[in-house]
Amino acid sequence: MIHGYKIEERRKLKADIDKAKTRLQKQNTAKRYGDKGRQVKATCRKDKRAYNNQSAADAEEAARKGDVRRLYKTRILDGRRPNQINQYTVVQEISLRRRKNNSPARKST
């Protein structure tokens, strides 16, 4: 995880809330804890978005090149496991492209 230090800071703030003696200290620490929590969630969303974009780019490149093995190994973005995915359509499209590129041009009669 790239932003793991923010999570550690948040954990320390949580411990500081428990250690606080006065109500004012608890309120101030709780406010900082909430702010840090929002930062952690935002960075996690940003990391997830970047990962998904990179995976999609890898899958598109593999599909463009016709690399079925890499396409299958690319992590699926919709959350399903690879054995639940019907990749017949992708493989079929790739094979159709290959046939079109390799077949001689037909003459119209």
Foldseek 3Di string as FASTA:
>chain_A
DVPVVLVVVLVVLVVQLVVDDDPVSNVVSVVVSVVSVVVVVVVVVVVLVVLVVVLVVQLVVCLVVVPVVSNLVRDDDVPDDSVVDDCVVSNVVSVVVVCVVPPDDDDDD
